[in-house]
Amino acid sequence: MTALVRMPKKDWYDILGAKPSDSLMELKRKYQKLVLLYHPDKQSADVPAGEVEERVQRFIEIDQAWKILGNEETKKEYDLQRRDEQCYTSLCRCGGKYTISKNETKEVSLVCCDTCSLIIEILR
């Protein structure tokens, strides 16, 4: 029996509080707002040590998100990967893949391998 697996990854849009449809200027505005809020140099001295570490980690994530979404080429690549993550995949014994989109899981019960003629049944 083969299980279809979906691995969660960071959503860079969510980290910036943005949407994929936002313009580059809108993404930049949201990034700048968050950077000012979470930058280590902008933290007050009376913040507990544990919270300081959380804020630094948040700042690092915000910076990573901007490095990906702030460049049109890397943003386009990320958007393609993100679209592919909306699918479940499983390897076939021939080396091919069974792929089904998240939306299709409610309707489709049989999935064909993309390389050979083998078929698997989706059990709900």
PDB file of N, CA and C in Angstrom:
ATOM      1  N   MET A   1       0.844  -1.188   0.000  1.00  0.00           N
ATOM      2  CA  MET A   1       0.000   0.000   0.000  1.00  0.00           C
ATOM      3  C   MET A   1       0.886   1.247   0.000  1.00  0.00           C
ATOM      4  N   THR A   2       0.600   2.178  -0.863  1.00  0.00           N
ATOM      5  CA  THR A   2       1.378   3.396  -0.990  1.00  0.00           C
ATOM      6  C   THR A   2       0.612   4.564  -0.397  1.00  0.00           C
ATOM      7  N   ALA A   3       1.269   5.353   0.403  1.00  0.00           N
ATOM      8  CA  ALA A   3       0.618   6.523   1.002  1.00  0.00           C
ATOM      9  C   ALA A   3       1.030   7.782   0.247  1.00  0.00           C
ATOM     10  N   LEU A   4       0.068   8.645   0.012  1.00  0.00           N
ATOM     11  CA  LEU A   4       0.352   9.925  -0.613  1.00  0.00           C
ATOM     12  C   LEU A   4       0.751  10.901   0.481  1.00  0.00           C
ATOM     13  N   VAL A   5       1.852  11.596   0.288  1.00  0.00           N
ATOM     14  CA  VAL A   5       2.406  12.440   1.335  1.00  0.00           C
ATOM     15  C   VAL A   5       2.507  13.880   0.855  1.00  0.00           C
ATOM     16  N   ARG A   6       2.183  14.807   1.737  1.00  0.00           N
ATOM     17  CA  ARG A   6       2.336  16.234   1.446  1.00  0.00           C
ATOM     18  C   ARG A   6       3.203  16.821   2.545  1.00  0.00           C
ATOM     19  N   MET A   7       4.342  17.364   2.164  1.00  0.00           N
ATOM     20  CA  MET A   7       5.271  17.916   3.131  1.00  0.00           C
ATOM     21  C   MET A   7       5.023  19.417   3.275  1.00  0.00           C
ATOM     22  N   PRO A   8       4.757  19.891   4.503  1.00  0.00           N
ATOM     23  CA  PRO A   8       4.537  21.320   4.686  1.00  0.00           C
ATOM     24  C   PRO A   8       5.840  22.109   4.579  1.00  0.00           C
ATOM     25  N   LYS A   9       5.780  23.276   3.971  1.00  0.00           N
ATOM     26  CA  LYS A   9       6.923  24.168   3.858  1.00  0.00           C
ATOM     27  C   LYS A   9       6.482  25.546   4.296  1.00  0.00           C
ATOM     28  N   LYS A  10       7.459  26.412   4.510  1.00  0.00           N
ATOM     29  CA  LYS A  10       7.142  27.775   4.917  1.00  0.00           C
ATOM     30  C   LYS A  10       6.435  28.498   3.784  1.00  0.00           C
ATOM     31  N   ASP A  11       5.423  29.257   4.143  1.00  0.00           N
ATOM     32  CA  ASP A  11       4.715  30.085   3.183  1.00  0.00           C
ATOM     33  C   ASP A  11       5.247  31.504   3.318  1.00  0.00           C
ATOM     34  N   TRP A  12       6.100  31.907   2.387  1.00  0.00           N
ATOM     35  CA  TRP A  12       6.748  33.219   2.462  1.00  0.00           C
ATOM     36  C   TRP A  12       5.733  34.350   2.368  1.00  0.00           C
ATOM     37  N   TYR A  13       4.659  34.146   1.641  1.00  0.00           N
ATOM     38  CA  TYR A  13       3.613  35.176   1.568  1.00  0.00           C
ATOM     39  C   TYR A  13       2.968  35.368   2.940  1.00  0.00           C
ATOM     40  N   ASP A  14       2.696  34.277   3.611  1.00  0.00           N
ATOM     41  CA  ASP A  14       2.078  34.337   4.934  1.00  0.00           C
ATOM     42  C   ASP A  14       2.991  35.062   5.925  1.00  0.00           C
ATOM     43  N   ILE A  15       4.275  34.799   5.839  1.00  0.00           N
ATOM     44  CA  ILE A  15       5.247  35.439   6.738  1.00  0.00           C
ATOM     45  C   ILE A  15       5.225  36.958   6.565  1.00  0.00           C
ATOM     46  N   LEU A  16       5.049  37.433   5.321  1.00  0.00           N
ATOM     47  CA  LEU A  16       4.982  38.873   5.071  1.00  0.00           C
ATOM     48  C   LEU A  16       3.563  39.423   5.231  1.00  0.00           C
ATOM     49  N   GLY A  17       2.601  38.546   5.471  1.00  0.00           N
ATOM     50  CA  GLY A  17       1.212  39.001   5.556  1.00  0.00           C
ATOM     51  C   GLY A  17       0.710  39.464   4.204  1.00  0.00           C
ATOM     52  N   ALA A  18       1.175  38.803   3.154  1.00  0.00           N
ATOM     53  CA  ALA A  18       0.875  39.210   1.784  1.00  0.00           C
ATOM     54  C   ALA A  18       0.106  38.118   1.046  1.00  0.00           C
ATOM     55  N   LYS A  19      -0.299  38.470  -0.175  1.00  0.00           N
ATOM     56  CA  LYS A  19      -0.975  37.522  -1.062  1.00  0.00           C
ATOM     57  C   LYS A  19      -0.151  37.390  -2.339  1.00  0.00           C
ATOM     58  N   PRO A  20      -0.242  36.248  -3.025  1.00  0.00           N
ATOM     59  CA  PRO A  20       0.497  36.091  -4.280  1.00  0.00           C
ATOM     60  C   PRO A  20       0.135  37.149  -5.328  1.00  0.00           C
ATOM     61  N   SER A  21      -1.033  37.713  -5.234  1.00  0.00           N
ATOM     62  CA  SER A  21      -1.453  38.720  -6.205  1.00  0.00           C
ATOM     63  C   SER A  21      -0.921  40.123  -5.891  1.00  0.00           C
ATOM     64  N   ASP A  22      -0.283  40.313  -4.723  1.00  0.00           N
ATOM     65  CA  ASP A  22       0.259  41.624  -4.358  1.00  0.00           C
ATOM     66  C   ASP A  22       1.377  42.031  -5.315  1.00  0.00           C
ATOM     67  N   SER A  23       1.441  43.313  -5.605  1.00  0.00           N
ATOM     68  CA  SER A  23       2.498  43.849  -6.465  1.00  0.00           C
ATOM     69  C   SER A  23       3.819  43.864  -5.702  1.00  0.00           C
ATOM     70  N   LEU A  24       4.906  44.045  -6.435  1.00  0.00           N
ATOM     71  CA  LEU A  24       6.220  44.118  -5.817  1.00  0.00           C
ATOM     72  C   LEU A  24       6.294  45.288  -4.838  1.00  0.00           C
ATOM     73  N   MET A  25       5.675  46.408  -5.178  1.00  0.00           N
ATOM     74  CA  MET A  25       5.663  47.571  -4.284  1.00  0.00           C
ATOM     75  C   MET A  25       4.887  47.264  -2.995  1.00  0.00           C
ATOM     76  N   GLU A  26       3.783  46.544  -3.113  1.00  0.00           N
ATOM     77  CA  GLU A  26       2.992  46.172  -1.942  1.00  0.00           C
ATOM     78  C   GLU A  26       3.772  45.196  -1.054  1.00  0.00           C
ATOM     79  N   LEU A  27       4.462  44.233  -1.666  1.00  0.00           N
ATOM     80  CA  LEU A  27       5.293  43.303  -0.912  1.00  0.00           C
ATOM     81  C   LEU A  27       6.392  44.061  -0.169  1.00  0.00           C
ATOM     82  N   LYS A  28       7.001  45.023  -0.845  1.00  0.00           N
ATOM     83  CA  LYS A  28       8.071  45.808  -0.236  1.00  0.00           C
ATOM     84  C   LYS A  28       7.542  46.622   0.944  1.00  0.00           C
ATOM     85  N   ARG A  29       6.377  47.206   0.794  1.00  0.00           N
ATOM     86  CA  ARG A  29       5.776  47.990   1.866  1.00  0.00           C
ATOM     87  C   ARG A  29       5.519  47.113   3.102  1.00  0.00           C
ATOM     88  N   LYS A  30       4.982  45.922   2.879  1.00  0.00           N
ATOM     89  CA  LYS A  30       4.702  45.003   3.988  1.00  0.00           C
ATOM     90  C   LYS A  30       6.001  44.529   4.642  1.00  0.00           C
ATOM     91  N   TYR A  31       7.004  44.258   3.823  1.00  0.00           N
ATOM     92  CA  TYR A  31       8.314  43.856   4.339  1.00  0.00           C
ATOM     93  C   TYR A  31       8.905  44.957   5.222  1.00  0.00           C
ATOM     94  N   GLN A  32       8.917  46.183   4.730  1.00  0.00           N
ATOM     95  CA  GLN A  32       9.499  47.291   5.481  1.00  0.00           C
ATOM     96  C   GLN A  32       8.778  47.521   6.814  1.00  0.00           C
ATOM     97  N   LYS A  33       7.482  47.394   6.801  1.00  0.00           N
ATOM     98  CA  LYS A  33       6.698  47.562   8.028  1.00  0.00           C
ATOM     99  C   LYS A  33       7.092  46.509   9.072  1.00  0.00           C
ATOM    100  N   LEU A  34       7.224  45.254   8.628  1.00  0.00           N
ATOM    101  CA  LEU A  34       7.579  44.173   9.544  1.00  0.00           C
ATOM    102  C   LEU A  34       9.029  44.270  10.021  1.00  0.00           C
ATOM    103  N   VAL A  35       9.924  44.694   9.131  1.00  0.00           N
ATOM    104  CA  VAL A  35      11.330  44.838   9.509  1.00  0.00           C
ATOM    105  C   VAL A  35      11.471  45.869  10.623  1.00  0.00           C
ATOM    106  N   LEU A  36      10.765  46.964  10.514  1.00  0.00           N
ATOM    107  CA  LEU A  36      10.823  47.985  11.564  1.00  0.00           C
ATOM    108  C   LEU A  36      10.269  47.460  12.889  1.00  0.00           C
ATOM    109  N   LEU A  37       9.290  46.602  12.799  1.00  0.00           N
ATOM    110  CA  LEU A  37       8.670  46.052  14.004  1.00  0.00           C
ATOM    111  C   LEU A  37       9.559  45.009  14.693  1.00  0.00           C
ATOM    112  N   TYR A  38      10.254  44.180  13.901  1.00  0.00           N
ATOM    113  CA  TYR A  38      10.997  43.049  14.463  1.00  0.00           C
ATOM    114  C   TYR A  38      12.524  43.198  14.440  1.00  0.00           C
ATOM    115  N   HIS A  39      13.051  44.270  13.884  1.00  0.00           N
ATOM    116  CA  HIS A  39      14.507  44.426  13.807  1.00  0.00           C
ATOM    117  C   HIS A  39      15.101  44.404  15.214  1.00  0.00           C
ATOM    118  N   PRO A  40      16.179  43.631  15.431  1.00  0.00           N
ATOM    119  CA  PRO A  40      16.794  43.532  16.768  1.00  0.00           C
ATOM    120  C   PRO A  40      17.200  44.886  17.358  1.00  0.00           C
ATOM    121  N   ASP A  41      17.631  45.811  16.534  1.00  0.00           N
ATOM    122  CA  ASP A  41      18.032  47.127  17.031  1.00  0.00           C
ATOM    123  C   ASP A  41      16.849  47.977  17.476  1.00  0.00           C
ATOM    124  N   LYS A  42      15.654  47.603  17.095  1.00  0.00           N
ATOM    125  CA  LYS A  42      14.462  48.381  17.433  1.00  0.00           C
ATOM    126  C   LYS A  42      13.734  47.853  18.666  1.00  0.00           C
ATOM    127  N   GLN A  43      14.282  46.807  19.311  1.00  0.00           N
ATOM    128  CA  GLN A  43      13.617  46.199  20.462  1.00  0.00           C
ATOM    129  C   GLN A  43      13.933  46.985  21.734  1.00  0.00           C
ATOM    130  N   SER A  44      12.954  47.073  22.605  1.00  0.00           N
ATOM    131  CA  SER A  44      13.176  47.764  23.878  1.00  0.00           C
ATOM    132  C   SER A  44      13.964  46.857  24.822  1.00  0.00           C
ATOM    133  N   ALA A  45      14.648  47.470  25.778  1.00  0.00           N
ATOM    134  CA  ALA A  45      15.520  46.731  26.696  1.00  0.00           C
ATOM    135  C   ALA A  45      14.754  45.878  27.696  1.00  0.00           C
ATOM    136  N   ASP A  46      13.484  46.171  27.941  1.00  0.00           N
ATOM    137  CA  ASP A  46      12.721  45.435  28.957  1.00  0.00           C
ATOM    138  C   ASP A  46      11.987  44.205  28.427  1.00  0.00           C
ATOM    139  N   VAL A  47      12.281  43.794  27.200  1.00  0.00           N
ATOM    140  CA  VAL A  47      11.655  42.601  26.614  1.00  0.00           C
ATOM    141  C   VAL A  47      12.332  41.357  27.197  1.00  0.00           C
ATOM    142  N   PRO A  48      11.559  40.361  27.656  1.00  0.00           N
ATOM    143  CA  PRO A  48      12.146  39.127  28.206  1.00  0.00           C
ATOM    144  C   PRO A  48      13.031  38.413  27.178  1.00  0.00           C
ATOM    145  N   ALA A  49      14.058  37.727  27.667  1.00  0.00           N
ATOM    146  CA  ALA A  49      15.039  37.075  26.792  1.00  0.00           C
ATOM    147  C   ALA A  49      14.395  36.100  25.804  1.00  0.00           C
ATOM    148  N   GLY A  50      13.431  35.299  26.262  1.00  0.00           N
ATOM    149  CA  GLY A  50      12.765  34.338  25.377  1.00  0.00           C
ATOM    150  C   GLY A  50      12.033  35.019  24.241  1.00  0.00           C
ATOM    151  N   GLU A  51      11.419  36.133  24.530  1.00  0.00           N
ATOM    152  CA  GLU A  51      10.696  36.874  23.498  1.00  0.00           C
ATOM    153  C   GLU A  51      11.659  37.531  22.515  1.00  0.00           C
ATOM    154  N   VAL A  52      12.820  37.953  23.013  1.00  0.00           N
ATOM    155  CA  VAL A  52      13.835  38.545  22.135  1.00  0.00           C
ATOM    156  C   VAL A  52      14.256  37.516  21.088  1.00  0.00           C
ATOM    157  N   GLU A  53      14.496  36.287  21.518  1.00  0.00           N
ATOM    158  CA  GLU A  53      14.903  35.226  20.593  1.00  0.00           C
ATOM    159  C   GLU A  53      13.811  34.951  19.558  1.00  0.00           C
ATOM    160  N   GLU A  54      12.558  34.915  19.987  1.00  0.00           N
ATOM    161  CA  GLU A  54      11.442  34.704  19.063  1.00  0.00           C
ATOM    162  C   GLU A  54      11.377  35.827  18.026  1.00  0.00           C
ATOM    163  N   ARG A  55      11.574  37.054  18.471  1.00  0.00           N
ATOM    164  CA  ARG A  55      11.535  38.213  17.576  1.00  0.00           C
ATOM    165  C   ARG A  55      12.692  38.185  16.580  1.00  0.00           C
ATOM    166  N   VAL A  56      13.875  37.736  17.039  1.00  0.00           N
ATOM    167  CA  VAL A  56      15.019  37.619  16.135  1.00  0.00           C
ATOM    168  C   VAL A  56      14.724  36.563  15.070  1.00  0.00           C
ATOM    169  N   GLN A  57      14.156  35.425  15.478  1.00  0.00           N
ATOM    170  CA  GLN A  57      13.794  34.379  14.517  1.00  0.00           C
ATOM    171  C   GLN A  57      12.753  34.888  13.519  1.00  0.00           C
ATOM    172  N   ARG A  58      11.799  35.626  14.006  1.00  0.00           N
ATOM    173  CA  ARG A  58      10.766  36.218  13.137  1.00  0.00           C
ATOM    174  C   ARG A  58      11.405  37.185  12.143  1.00  0.00           C
ATOM    175  N   PHE A  59      12.344  37.994  12.623  1.00  0.00           N
ATOM    176  CA  PHE A  59      13.056  38.934  11.755  1.00  0.00           C
ATOM    177  C   PHE A  59      13.810  38.182  10.651  1.00  0.00           C
ATOM    178  N   ILE A  60      14.466  37.081  11.010  1.00  0.00           N
ATOM    179  CA  ILE A  60      15.206  36.279  10.030  1.00  0.00           C
ATOM    180  C   ILE A  60      14.252  35.710   8.980  1.00  0.00           C
ATOM    181  N   GLU A  61      13.081  35.211   9.416  1.00  0.00           N
ATOM    182  CA  GLU A  61      12.087  34.685   8.466  1.00  0.00           C
ATOM    183  C   GLU A  61      11.588  35.785   7.528  1.00  0.00           C
ATOM    184  N   ILE A  62      11.334  36.962   8.078  1.00  0.00           N
ATOM    185  CA  ILE A  62      10.864  38.091   7.268  1.00  0.00           C
ATOM    186  C   ILE A  62      11.914  38.444   6.218  1.00  0.00           C
ATOM    187  N   ASP A  63      13.180  38.463   6.630  1.00  0.00           N
ATOM    188  CA  ASP A  63      14.263  38.773   5.697  1.00  0.00           C
ATOM    189  C   ASP A  63      14.367  37.708   4.605  1.00  0.00           C
ATOM    190  N   GLN A  64      14.240  36.425   4.982  1.00  0.00           N
ATOM    191  CA  GLN A  64      14.281  35.340   3.998  1.00  0.00           C
ATOM    192  C   GLN A  64      13.119  35.463   3.005  1.00  0.00           C
ATOM    193  N   ALA A  65      11.942  35.786   3.533  1.00  0.00           N
ATOM    194  CA  ALA A  65      10.766  35.935   2.672  1.00  0.00           C
ATOM    195  C   ALA A  65      11.005  37.043   1.641  1.00  0.00           C
ATOM    196  N   TRP A  66      11.574  38.150   2.087  1.00  0.00           N
ATOM    197  CA  TRP A  66      11.821  39.258   1.161  1.00  0.00           C
ATOM    198  C   TRP A  66      12.868  38.892   0.119  1.00  0.00           C
ATOM    199  N   LYS A  67      13.900  38.140   0.521  1.00  0.00           N
ATOM    200  CA  LYS A  67      14.932  37.728  -0.440  1.00  0.00           C
ATOM    201  C   LYS A  67      14.334  36.882  -1.554  1.00  0.00           C
ATOM    202  N   ILE A  68      13.308  36.124  -1.247  1.00  0.00           N
ATOM    203  CA  ILE A  68      12.664  35.286  -2.258  1.00  0.00           C
ATOM    204  C   ILE A  68      11.615  36.070  -3.041  1.00  0.00           C
ATOM    205  N   LEU A  69      10.741  36.778  -2.333  1.00  0.00           N
ATOM    206  CA  LEU A  69       9.623  37.456  -3.001  1.00  0.00           C
ATOM    207  C   LEU A  69       9.988  38.829  -3.565  1.00  0.00           C
ATOM    208  N   GLY A  70      11.098  39.399  -3.137  1.00  0.00           N
ATOM    209  CA  GLY A  70      11.501  40.723  -3.601  1.00  0.00           C
ATOM    210  C   GLY A  70      12.211  40.709  -4.939  1.00  0.00           C
ATOM    211  N   ASN A  71      12.552  39.535  -5.428  1.00  0.00           N
ATOM    212  CA  ASN A  71      13.225  39.385  -6.714  1.00  0.00           C
ATOM    213  C   ASN A  71      12.255  38.677  -7.660  1.00  0.00           C
ATOM    214  N   GLU A  72      11.991  39.274  -8.811  1.00  0.00           N
ATOM    215  CA  GLU A  72      10.973  38.708  -9.717  1.00  0.00           C
ATOM    216  C   GLU A  72      11.291  37.281 -10.147  1.00  0.00           C
ATOM    217  N   GLU A  73      12.573  36.987 -10.380  1.00  0.00           N
ATOM    218  CA  GLU A  73      12.948  35.656 -10.830  1.00  0.00           C
ATOM    219  C   GLU A  73      12.717  34.601  -9.740  1.00  0.00           C
ATOM    220  N   THR A  74      13.194  34.888  -8.520  1.00  0.00           N
ATOM    221  CA  THR A  74      13.018  33.915  -7.443  1.00  0.00           C
ATOM    222  C   THR A  74      11.550  33.824  -7.017  1.00  0.00           C
ATOM    223  N   LYS A  75      10.822  34.926  -7.136  1.00  0.00           N
ATOM    224  CA  LYS A  75       9.389  34.914  -6.827  1.00  0.00           C
ATOM    225  C   LYS A  75       8.650  34.007  -7.803  1.00  0.00           C
ATOM    226  N   LYS A  76       8.981  34.127  -9.082  1.00  0.00           N
ATOM    227  CA  LYS A  76       8.339  33.294 -10.105  1.00  0.00           C
ATOM    228  C   LYS A  76       8.631  31.822  -9.845  1.00  0.00           C
ATOM    229  N   GLU A  77       9.879  31.515  -9.505  1.00  0.00           N
ATOM    230  CA  GLU A  77      10.262  30.131  -9.205  1.00  0.00           C
ATOM    231  C   GLU A  77       9.518  29.614  -7.968  1.00  0.00           C
ATOM    232  N   TYR A  78       9.443  30.438  -6.930  1.00  0.00           N
ATOM    233  CA  TYR A  78       8.726  30.055  -5.709  1.00  0.00           C
ATOM    234  C   TYR A  78       7.246  29.823  -6.001  1.00  0.00           C
ATOM    235  N   ASP A  79       6.642  30.691  -6.809  1.00  0.00           N
ATOM    236  CA  ASP A  79       5.229  30.531  -7.144  1.00  0.00           C
ATOM    237  C   ASP A  79       4.976  29.213  -7.869  1.00  0.00           C
ATOM    238  N   LEU A  80       5.904  28.812  -8.742  1.00  0.00           N
ATOM    239  CA  LEU A  80       5.763  27.522  -9.424  1.00  0.00           C
ATOM    240  C   LEU A  80       5.866  26.365  -8.437  1.00  0.00           C
ATOM    241  N   GLN A  81       6.829  26.433  -7.529  1.00  0.00           N
ATOM    242  CA  GLN A  81       6.973  25.382  -6.510  1.00  0.00           C
ATOM    243  C   GLN A  81       5.737  25.335  -5.625  1.00  0.00           C
ATOM    244  N   ARG A  82       5.235  26.491  -5.285  1.00  0.00           N
ATOM    245  CA  ARG A  82       4.059  26.596  -4.415  1.00  0.00           C
ATOM    246  C   ARG A  82       2.840  25.952  -5.076  1.00  0.00           C
ATOM    247  N   ARG A  83       2.702  26.181  -6.371  1.00  0.00           N
ATOM    248  CA  ARG A  83       1.594  25.582  -7.104  1.00  0.00           C
ATOM    249  C   ARG A  83       1.712  24.056  -7.097  1.00  0.00           C
ATOM    250  N   ASP A  84       2.938  23.554  -7.269  1.00  0.00           N
ATOM    251  CA  ASP A  84       3.158  22.105  -7.257  1.00  0.00           C
ATOM    252  C   ASP A  84       2.893  21.505  -5.883  1.00  0.00           C
ATOM    253  N   GLU A  85       3.092  22.298  -4.808  1.00  0.00           N
ATOM    254  CA  GLU A  85       2.861  21.794  -3.467  1.00  0.00           C
ATOM    255  C   GLU A  85       1.381  21.602  -3.167  1.00  0.00           C
ATOM    256  N   GLN A  86       0.525  22.080  -4.031  1.00  0.00           N
ATOM    257  CA  GLN A  86      -0.907  21.907  -3.847  1.00  0.00           C
ATOM    258  C   GLN A  86      -1.339  20.513  -4.297  1.00  0.00           C
ATOM    259  N   CYS A  87      -0.347  19.660  -4.579  1.00  0.00           N
ATOM    260  CA  CYS A  87      -0.617  18.304  -5.042  1.00  0.00           C
ATOM    261  C   CYS A  87      -0.050  17.282  -4.071  1.00  0.00           C
ATOM    262  N   TYR A  88      -0.649  16.101  -4.101  1.00  0.00           N
ATOM    263  CA  TYR A  88      -0.122  14.957  -3.380  1.00  0.00           C
ATOM    264  C   TYR A  88       0.547  14.073  -4.414  1.00  0.00           C
ATOM    265  N   THR A  89       1.702  13.504  -4.074  1.00  0.00           N
ATOM    266  CA  THR A  89       2.388  12.621  -5.005  1.00  0.00           C
ATOM    267  C   THR A  89       2.845  11.367  -4.284  1.00  0.00           C
ATOM    268  N   SER A  90       2.994  10.320  -5.057  1.00  0.00           N
ATOM    269  CA  SER A  90       3.512   9.059  -4.552  1.00  0.00           C
ATOM    270  C   SER A  90       4.289   8.405  -5.684  1.00  0.00           C
ATOM    271  N   LEU A  91       5.370   7.738  -5.336  1.00  0.00           N
ATOM    272  CA  LEU A  91       6.173   7.077  -6.358  1.00  0.00           C
ATOM    273  C   LEU A  91       5.560   5.742  -6.756  1.00  0.00           C
ATOM    274  N   CYS A  92       5.643   5.452  -8.036  1.00  0.00           N
ATOM    275  CA  CYS A  92       5.194   4.166  -8.573  1.00  0.00           C
ATOM    276  C   CYS A  92       6.391   3.218  -8.589  1.00  0.00           C
ATOM    277  N   ARG A  93       6.143   1.917  -8.636  1.00  0.00           N
ATOM    278  CA  ARG A  93       7.253   0.965  -8.658  1.00  0.00           C
ATOM    279  C   ARG A  93       8.059   1.043  -9.947  1.00  0.00           C
ATOM    280  N   CYS A  94       7.499   1.660 -10.998  1.00  0.00           N
ATOM    281  CA  CYS A  94       8.229   1.812 -12.260  1.00  0.00           C
ATOM    282  C   CYS A  94       9.168   3.015 -12.226  1.00  0.00           C
ATOM    283  N   GLY A  95       9.038   3.841 -11.187  1.00  0.00           N
ATOM    284  CA  GLY A  95       9.858   5.055 -11.108  1.00  0.00           C
ATOM    285  C   GLY A  95       9.074   6.310 -11.456  1.00  0.00           C
ATOM    286  N   GLY A  96       7.870   6.136 -11.963  1.00  0.00           N
ATOM    287  CA  GLY A  96       7.011   7.279 -12.277  1.00  0.00           C
ATOM    288  C   GLY A  96       6.329   7.805 -11.021  1.00  0.00           C
ATOM    289  N   LYS A  97       5.370   8.700 -11.217  1.00  0.00           N
ATOM    290  CA  LYS A  97       4.676   9.285 -10.064  1.00  0.00           C
ATOM    291  C   LYS A  97       3.170   9.258 -10.264  1.00  0.00           C
ATOM    292  N   TYR A  98       2.479   9.097  -9.149  1.00  0.00           N
ATOM    293  CA  TYR A  98       1.045   9.309  -9.092  1.00  0.00           C
ATOM    294  C   TYR A  98       0.873  10.717  -8.532  1.00  0.00           C
ATOM    295  N   THR A  99       0.109  11.549  -9.193  1.00  0.00           N
ATOM    296  CA  THR A  99      -0.088  12.918  -8.732  1.00  0.00           C
ATOM    297  C   THR A  99      -1.562  13.259  -8.759  1.00  0.00           C
ATOM    298  N   ILE A 100      -2.021  13.877  -7.678  1.00  0.00           N
ATOM    299  CA  ILE A 100      -3.408  14.315  -7.611  1.00  0.00           C
ATOM    300  C   ILE A 100      -3.437  15.656  -6.892  1.00  0.00           C
ATOM    301  N   SER A 101      -4.204  16.586  -7.419  1.00  0.00           N
ATOM    302  CA  SER A 101      -4.274  17.898  -6.775  1.00  0.00           C
ATOM    303  C   SER A 101      -5.145  17.810  -5.536  1.00  0.00           C
ATOM    304  N   LYS A 102      -4.917  18.738  -4.649  1.00  0.00           N
ATOM    305  CA  LYS A 102      -5.659  18.779  -3.390  1.00  0.00           C
ATOM    306  C   LYS A 102      -7.163  18.875  -3.657  1.00  0.00           C
ATOM    307  N   ASN A 103      -7.549  19.624  -4.686  1.00  0.00           N
ATOM    308  CA  ASN A 103      -8.965  19.800  -5.021  1.00  0.00           C
ATOM    309  C   ASN A 103      -9.595  18.524  -5.560  1.00  0.00           C
ATOM    310  N   GLU A 104      -8.805  17.702  -6.266  1.00  0.00           N
ATOM    311  CA  GLU A 104      -9.327  16.482  -6.869  1.00  0.00           C
ATOM    312  C   GLU A 104      -9.549  15.356  -5.865  1.00  0.00           C
ATOM    313  N   THR A 105      -8.966  15.429  -4.691  1.00  0.00           N
ATOM    314  CA  THR A 105      -9.044  14.316  -3.739  1.00  0.00           C
ATOM    315  C   THR A 105     -10.470  13.988  -3.328  1.00  0.00           C
ATOM    316  N   LYS A 106     -11.361  14.948  -3.412  1.00  0.00           N
ATOM    317  CA  LYS A 106     -12.757  14.703  -3.031  1.00  0.00           C
ATOM    318  C   LYS A 106     -13.539  14.001  -4.137  1.00  0.00           C
ATOM    319  N   GLU A 107     -13.106  14.177  -5.385  1.00  0.00           N
ATOM    320  CA  GLU A 107     -13.858  13.651  -6.524  1.00  0.00           C
ATOM    321  C   GLU A 107     -13.253  12.389  -7.128  1.00  0.00           C
ATOM    322  N   VAL A 108     -11.940  12.322  -7.203  1.00  0.00           N
ATOM    323  CA  VAL A 108     -11.251  11.239  -7.904  1.00  0.00           C
ATOM    324  C   VAL A 108     -10.897  10.125  -6.927  1.00  0.00           C
ATOM    325  N   SER A 109     -11.114   8.897  -7.345  1.00  0.00           N
ATOM    326  CA  SER A 109     -10.733   7.786  -6.476  1.00  0.00           C
ATOM    327  C   SER A 109      -9.652   6.914  -7.110  1.00  0.00           C
ATOM    328  N   LEU A 110      -9.420   7.025  -8.425  1.00  0.00           N
ATOM    329  CA  LEU A 110      -8.378   6.270  -9.110  1.00  0.00           C
ATOM    330  C   LEU A 110      -7.389   7.247  -9.734  1.00  0.00           C
ATOM    331  N   VAL A 111      -6.081   6.961  -9.548  1.00  0.00           N
ATOM    332  CA  VAL A 111      -5.045   7.841 -10.084  1.00  0.00           C
ATOM    333  C   VAL A 111      -4.076   6.991 -10.898  1.00  0.00           C
ATOM    334  N   CYS A 112      -3.786   7.449 -12.117  1.00  0.00           N
ATOM    335  CA  CYS A 112      -2.877   6.737 -13.017  1.00  0.00           C
ATOM    336  C   CYS A 112      -1.445   7.210 -12.822  1.00  0.00           C
ATOM    337  N   CYS A 113      -0.506   6.316 -12.997  1.00  0.00           N
ATOM    338  CA  CYS A 113       0.908   6.655 -12.981  1.00  0.00           C
ATOM    339  C   CYS A 113       1.202   7.501 -14.213  1.00  0.00           C
ATOM    340  N   ASP A 114       2.112   8.465 -14.085  1.00  0.00           N
ATOM    341  CA  ASP A 114       2.420   9.324 -15.226  1.00  0.00           C
ATOM    342  C   ASP A 114       3.384   8.679 -16.217  1.00  0.00           C
ATOM    343  N   THR A 115       3.883   7.459 -15.896  1.00  0.00           N
ATOM    344  CA  THR A 115       4.838   6.793 -16.774  1.00  0.00           C
ATOM    345  C   THR A 115       4.307   5.472 -17.340  1.00  0.00           C
ATOM    346  N   CYS A 116       3.704   4.661 -16.482  1.00  0.00           N
ATOM    347  CA  CYS A 116       3.233   3.348 -16.933  1.00  0.00           C
ATOM    348  C   CYS A 116       1.703   3.273 -16.846  1.00  0.00           C
ATOM    349  N   SER A 117       1.157   2.072 -16.950  1.00  0.00           N
ATOM    350  CA  SER A 117      -0.297   1.911 -16.948  1.00  0.00           C
ATOM    351  C   SER A 117      -0.865   1.521 -15.581  1.00  0.00           C
ATOM    352  N   LEU A 118      -0.043   1.518 -14.541  1.00  0.00           N
ATOM    353  CA  LEU A 118      -0.540   1.159 -13.214  1.00  0.00           C
ATOM    354  C   LEU A 118      -1.454   2.247 -12.662  1.00  0.00           C
ATOM    355  N   ILE A 119      -2.419   1.814 -11.851  1.00  0.00           N
ATOM    356  CA  ILE A 119      -3.414   2.713 -11.259  1.00  0.00           C
ATOM    357  C   ILE A 119      -3.504   2.407  -9.770  1.00  0.00           C
ATOM    358  N   ILE A 120      -3.648   3.461  -8.952  1.00  0.00           N
ATOM    359  CA  ILE A 120      -3.883   3.249  -7.517  1.00  0.00           C
ATOM    360  C   ILE A 120      -5.257   3.806  -7.164  1.00  0.00           C
ATOM    361  N   GLU A 121      -5.812   3.288  -6.092  1.00  0.00           N
ATOM    362  CA  GLU A 121      -7.105   3.760  -5.603  1.00  0.00           C
ATOM    363  C   GLU A 121      -6.880   4.612  -4.378  1.00  0.00           C
ATOM    364  N   ILE A 122      -7.556   5.773  -4.338  1.00  0.00           N
ATOM    365  CA  ILE A 122      -7.474   6.669  -3.186  1.00  0.00           C
ATOM    366  C   ILE A 122      -8.575   6.264  -2.213  1.00  0.00           C
ATOM    367  N   LEU A 123      -8.172   5.921  -1.003  1.00  0.00           N
ATOM    368  CA  LEU A 123      -9.138   5.554   0.031  1.00  0.00           C
ATOM    369  C   LEU A 123      -9.331   6.743   0.952  1.00  0.00           C
ATOM    370  N   ARG A 124     -10.559   7.049   1.240  1.00  0.00           N
ATOM    371  CA  ARG A 124     -10.864   8.182   2.125  1.00  0.00           C
ATOM    372  C   ARG A 124     -11.298   7.684   3.462  1.00  0.00           C
TER     373      ARG A 124
END
